[in-house]
Amino acid sequence: MVSIISFKKMCMSLEGTEELPHFHLTSFRVKSKIYATLDENLALVRIMLRPEEQDSYCQFDSAIVYPVPGRWGLRGATCFELEKVRKETLESALMLAYAKLAVIKRKK
């Protein structure tokens, strides 16, 4: 189980993260791109993974980790139920989503 406060701390510990509203959700962004959203009323996190990463996480337990319904889910957006998911599972998925957006281009 992961609390809402713990999840927010996880996100805000990642360099360059901003917490901003996104409709009725809270979004977590790096370089103005959303890598996760939080629905506090449902204790539900949506993390922007690649489809192949989503497949791996959904194999843990499809009642706890599952694709977002519709087109976003087909593109890798994945739901994680905070009250049931293991902290380590959530952290690793969060790092994948963050890392693909936070890539720093090095000068040659």
Protein backbone atom coordinates (compact mmCIF):
# COMPACT_ATOMS: atom_id res chain seq x y z
CA MET A 1 0.00 0.00 0.00
CA VAL A 2 1.16 3.51 -0.84
CA SER A 3 -0.39 6.60 0.69
CA ILE A 4 -1.27 9.66 -1.36
CA ILE A 5 1.31 11.67 0.57
CA SER A 6 4.01 9.05 -0.09
CA PHE A 7 3.19 9.04 -3.79
CA LYS A 8 3.43 12.82 -4.01
CA LYS A 9 6.79 12.71 -2.21
CA MET A 10 8.04 10.07 -4.66
CA CYS A 11 7.17 12.30 -7.59
CA MET A 12 8.47 15.53 -6.09
CA SER A 13 11.81 13.87 -5.26
CA LEU A 14 12.46 13.51 -9.00
CA GLU A 15 14.51 16.41 -10.35
CA GLY A 16 12.56 19.06 -12.25
CA THR A 17 9.11 17.70 -11.33
CA GLU A 18 6.22 20.13 -11.15
CA GLU A 19 2.87 19.37 -9.51
CA LEU A 20 0.01 21.02 -11.41
CA PRO A 21 -3.75 20.57 -11.79
CA HIS A 22 -4.97 18.56 -14.78
CA PHE A 23 -8.77 18.69 -14.97
CA HIS A 24 -9.96 17.01 -11.72
CA LEU A 25 -6.57 15.31 -11.24
CA THR A 26 -3.15 16.31 -9.99
CA SER A 27 -0.44 15.94 -12.63
CA PHE A 28 3.28 15.45 -12.21
CA ARG A 29 5.37 16.85 -15.05
CA VAL A 30 8.94 17.20 -16.12
CA LYS A 31 9.86 19.52 -18.99
CA SER A 32 6.14 20.41 -19.22
CA LYS A 33 5.21 16.79 -20.06
CA ILE A 34 2.98 14.68 -17.83
CA TYR A 35 4.46 11.40 -16.62
CA ALA A 36 1.83 10.63 -13.94
CA THR A 37 -1.53 11.79 -12.65
CA LEU A 38 -3.21 11.26 -9.31
CA ASP A 39 -6.92 10.94 -8.58
CA GLU A 40 -7.06 11.50 -4.82
CA ASN A 41 -10.77 10.62 -4.57
CA LEU A 42 -10.18 7.14 -6.03
CA ALA A 43 -6.61 6.70 -4.67
CA LEU A 44 -5.65 5.91 -8.27
CA VAL A 45 -2.47 6.80 -10.12
CA ARG A 46 -2.10 6.82 -13.89
CA ILE A 47 1.46 6.43 -15.15
CA MET A 48 2.51 7.01 -18.75
CA LEU A 49 4.41 3.87 -19.75
CA ARG A 50 5.31 2.38 -23.11
CA PRO A 51 2.86 -0.36 -24.20
CA GLU A 52 5.47 -3.10 -23.69
CA GLU A 53 6.22 -1.78 -20.18
CA GLN A 54 2.49 -1.67 -19.46
CA ASP A 55 2.19 -5.34 -20.42
CA SER A 56 4.91 -6.28 -17.92
CA TYR A 57 3.31 -4.38 -15.03
CA CYS A 58 -0.20 -5.65 -15.76
CA GLN A 59 1.10 -9.21 -15.38
CA PHE A 60 1.73 -8.59 -11.65
CA ASP A 61 -1.99 -8.45 -10.86
CA SER A 62 -4.49 -7.12 -13.38
CA ALA A 63 -6.90 -6.17 -10.56
CA ILE A 64 -4.33 -3.69 -9.18
CA VAL A 65 -2.45 -2.60 -12.33
CA TYR A 66 -4.38 -2.25 -15.59
CA PRO A 67 -4.56 -0.12 -18.76
CA VAL A 68 -6.49 3.14 -18.66
CA PRO A 69 -9.73 2.50 -20.60
CA GLY A 70 -9.75 3.74 -24.20
CA ARG A 71 -7.05 5.11 -26.48
CA TRP A 72 -4.76 6.34 -23.71
CA GLY A 73 -4.57 2.82 -22.36
CA LEU A 74 -3.61 1.49 -25.80
CA ARG A 75 -0.77 4.02 -25.81
CA GLY A 76 0.58 2.79 -22.45
CA ALA A 77 -1.28 4.86 -19.85
CA THR A 78 -1.56 2.52 -16.88
CA CYS A 79 -3.65 2.62 -13.67
CA PHE A 80 -2.13 1.67 -10.30
CA GLU A 81 -4.40 1.33 -7.27
CA LEU A 82 -2.56 2.98 -4.37
CA GLU A 83 -4.32 1.01 -1.64
CA LYS A 84 -3.17 -2.32 -3.10
CA VAL A 85 0.05 -1.83 -5.09
CA ARG A 86 3.47 -2.53 -3.61
CA LYS A 87 5.66 0.53 -3.17
CA GLU A 88 8.56 -1.03 -5.09
CA THR A 89 6.32 -1.78 -8.08
CA LEU A 90 4.97 1.75 -8.17
CA GLU A 91 8.42 3.31 -7.79
CA SER A 92 9.90 1.32 -10.65
CA ALA A 93 7.03 2.22 -13.01
CA LEU A 94 7.26 5.86 -11.99
CA MET A 95 11.00 5.91 -12.72
CA LEU A 96 10.46 4.46 -16.22
CA ALA A 97 7.87 7.12 -17.06
CA TYR A 98 9.96 9.94 -15.60
CA ALA A 99 13.22 8.82 -17.21
CA LYS A 100 11.91 8.80 -20.76
CA LEU A 101 10.88 12.46 -20.41
CA ALA A 102 13.75 13.73 -18.31
CA VAL A 103 16.51 12.67 -20.70
CA ILE A 104 19.24 15.29 -20.79
CA LYS A 105 20.90 15.74 -24.16
CA ARG A 106 24.66 15.99 -23.84
CA LYS A 107 26.78 18.28 -25.99
CA LYS A 108 29.18 16.53 -28.37
